[in-house]
C-alpha atoms as a PDB file:
ATOM      1  CA  UNK A   1      16.980-144.238 -20.689  1.00  0.00           C
ATOM      2  CA  UNK A   2      13.497-144.092 -20.568  1.00  0.00           C
ATOM      3  CA  UNK A   3      13.985-142.306 -16.746  1.00  0.00           C
ATOM      4  CA  UNK A   4      15.893-139.675 -18.721  1.00  0.00           C
ATOM      5  CA  UNK A   5      13.165-138.985 -20.581  1.00  0.00           C
ATOM      6  CA  UNK A   6      10.447-136.071 -20.481  1.00  0.00           C
ATOM      7  CA  UNK A   7       7.270-135.755 -21.806  1.00  0.00           C
ATOM      8  CA  UNK A   8       7.355-132.648 -23.554  1.00  0.00           C
ATOM      9  CA  UNK A   9       3.614-132.614 -24.294  1.00  0.00           C
ATOM     10  CA  UNK A  10       3.305-130.789 -20.878  1.00  0.00           C
ATOM     11  CA  UNK A  11       5.169-127.793 -21.554  1.00  0.00           C
ATOM     12  CA  UNK A  12       3.692-124.858 -23.258  1.00  0.00           C
ATOM     13  CA  UNK A  13       5.720-122.549 -25.568  1.00  0.00           C
ATOM     14  CA  UNK A  14       3.112-119.137 -25.419  1.00  0.00           C
ATOM     15  CA  UNK A  15       3.266-117.135 -28.144  1.00  0.00           C
ATOM     16  CA  UNK A  16       3.869-113.345 -27.354  1.00  0.00           C
ATOM     17  CA  UNK A  17       0.548-111.404 -29.003  1.00  0.00           C
ATOM     18  CA  UNK A  18       2.349-107.586 -29.167  1.00  0.00           C
ATOM     19  CA  UNK A  19       4.165-107.050 -32.568  1.00  0.00           C
ATOM     20  CA  UNK A  20       4.864-103.316 -31.744  1.00  0.00           C
ATOM     21  CA  UNK A  21       5.750-100.960 -29.890  1.00  0.00           C
ATOM     22  CA  UNK A  22       2.032 -99.500 -30.509  1.00  0.00           C
ATOM     23  CA  UNK A  23       0.311-102.579 -28.549  1.00  0.00           C
ATOM     24  CA  UNK A  24       2.975-102.972 -25.501  1.00  0.00           C
ATOM     25  CA  UNK A  25       1.625 -99.652 -24.328  1.00  0.00           C
ATOM     26  CA  UNK A  26      -1.877-100.306 -25.077  1.00  0.00           C
ATOM     27  CA  UNK A  27      -1.142-103.320 -22.840  1.00  0.00           C
ATOM     28  CA  UNK A  28       0.121-101.036 -20.009  1.00  0.00           C
ATOM     29  CA  UNK A  29      -3.082 -99.051 -19.732  1.00  0.00           C
ATOM     30  CA  UNK A  30      -5.208-101.732 -19.436  1.00  0.00           C
ATOM     31  CA  UNK A  31      -3.552-103.630 -17.065  1.00  0.00           C
ATOM     32  CA  UNK A  32      -3.763-100.081 -15.876  1.00  0.00           C
ATOM     33  CA  UNK A  33      -6.939 -99.223 -15.958  1.00  0.00           C
ATOM     34  CA  UNK A  34      -7.929-103.294 -15.574  1.00  0.00           C
ATOM     35  CA  UNK A  35      -6.553-103.204 -12.022  1.00  0.00           C
ATOM     36  CA  UNK A  36      -8.572-100.060 -10.345  1.00  0.00           C
ATOM     37  CA  UNK A  37     -11.746-101.793 -11.913  1.00  0.00           C
ATOM     38  CA  UNK A  38     -11.290-105.096  -9.694  1.00  0.00           C
ATOM     39  CA  UNK A  39     -13.526-104.904  -6.897  1.00  0.00           C
ATOM     40  CA  UNK A  40     -16.651-102.464  -8.498  1.00  0.00           C
ATOM     41  CA  UNK A  41     -19.422-102.315 -11.047  1.00  0.00           C
ATOM     42  CA  UNK A  42     -17.360-101.720 -13.663  1.00  0.00           C
ATOM     43  CA  UNK A  43     -16.556-104.517 -16.328  1.00  0.00           C
ATOM     44  CA  UNK A  44     -13.089-105.198 -17.308  1.00  0.00           C
ATOM     45  CA  UNK A  45     -11.968-103.287 -20.568  1.00  0.00           C
ATOM     46  CA  UNK A  46     -10.516-105.085 -23.810  1.00  0.00           C
ATOM     47  CA  UNK A  47      -7.691-103.745 -25.295  1.00  0.00           C
ATOM     48  CA  UNK A  48      -9.859-103.009 -28.949  1.00  0.00           C
ATOM     49  CA  UNK A  49     -11.536-100.446 -26.227  1.00  0.00           C
ATOM     50  CA  UNK A  50      -8.453 -98.953 -25.110  1.00  0.00           C
ATOM     51  CA  UNK A  51      -7.078 -99.446 -28.949  1.00  0.00           C
ATOM     52  CA  UNK A  52      -9.910 -97.055 -30.181  1.00  0.00           C
ATOM     53  CA  UNK A  53     -10.483 -94.554 -26.854  1.00  0.00           C
ATOM     54  CA  UNK A  54      -6.383 -93.460 -27.866  1.00  0.00           C
ATOM     55  CA  UNK A  55      -6.616 -94.280 -31.136  1.00  0.00           C
ATOM     56  CA  UNK A  56      -6.010 -90.206 -32.403  1.00  0.00           C
ATOM     57  CA  UNK A  57      -2.897 -90.209 -30.359  1.00  0.00           C
ATOM     58  CA  UNK A  58       0.622 -90.706 -32.129  1.00  0.00           C
ATOM     59  CA  UNK A  59       2.288 -93.587 -29.705  1.00  0.00           C
ATOM     60  CA  UNK A  60       5.373 -90.751 -29.373  1.00  0.00           C
ATOM     61  CA  UNK A  61       2.389 -88.604 -27.526  1.00  0.00           C
ATOM     62  CA  UNK A  62       1.371 -91.832 -25.586  1.00  0.00           C
ATOM     63  CA  UNK A  63       4.380 -91.667 -23.387  1.00  0.00           C
ATOM     64  CA  UNK A  64       3.965 -88.593 -21.351  1.00  0.00           C
ATOM     65  CA  UNK A  65       0.187 -89.139 -21.880  1.00  0.00           C
ATOM     66  CA  UNK A  66       0.656 -92.731 -19.789  1.00  0.00           C
ATOM     67  CA  UNK A  67       2.299 -90.655 -17.171  1.00  0.00           C
ATOM     68  CA  UNK A  68       0.855 -88.048 -16.798  1.00  0.00           C
ATOM     69  CA  UNK A  69      -2.123 -90.340 -15.539  1.00  0.00           C
ATOM     70  CA  UNK A  70       0.015 -92.284 -13.427  1.00  0.00           C
ATOM     71  CA  UNK A  71       0.848 -89.182 -11.583  1.00  0.00           C
ATOM     72  CA  UNK A  72      -2.880 -88.096 -11.213  1.00  0.00           C
ATOM     73  CA  UNK A  73      -4.014 -87.271  -8.046  1.00  0.00           C
ATOM     74  CA  UNK A  74      -7.525 -88.043  -8.854  1.00  0.00           C
ATOM     75  CA  UNK A  75      -6.254 -91.852  -9.748  1.00  0.00           C
ATOM     76  CA  UNK A  76      -5.158 -93.473 -13.437  1.00  0.00           C
ATOM     77  CA  UNK A  77      -9.149 -93.984 -14.834  1.00  0.00           C
ATOM     78  CA  UNK A  78     -10.385 -91.128 -13.804  1.00  0.00           C
ATOM     79  CA  UNK A  79      -7.189 -88.761 -15.574  1.00  0.00           C
ATOM     80  CA  UNK A  80      -7.625 -91.602 -18.634  1.00  0.00           C
ATOM     81  CA  UNK A  81     -11.195 -91.081 -19.046  1.00  0.00           C
ATOM     82  CA  UNK A  82     -11.578 -87.116 -18.235  1.00  0.00           C
ATOM     83  CA  UNK A  83      -9.230 -86.367 -20.820  1.00  0.00           C
ATOM     84  CA  UNK A  84     -10.029 -88.026 -23.582  1.00  0.00           C
ATOM     85  CA  UNK A  85     -13.582 -87.055 -23.415  1.00  0.00           C
ATOM     86  CA  UNK A  86     -15.148 -84.722 -25.820  1.00  0.00           C
ATOM     87  CA  UNK A  87     -15.164 -81.791 -24.801  1.00  0.00           C
END
């Protein structure tokens, strides 16, 4: 019987902190931006920083904006920050 017993303390279930659609979109933006920043002088962004940047954009409008940034020739980060700059 002891041979079949498994020590469950080794296994941990990670709970997702993402609770809604907007947070999922912000995570997609964050992952894309931070992959571009690896190996450069720029520090990785936090989810809070991205959420503040896109705070004025409605959730439904974030989908086309993400697609636009993905298809940009200049790069995801350049399109993201250029589109959100104060004019």
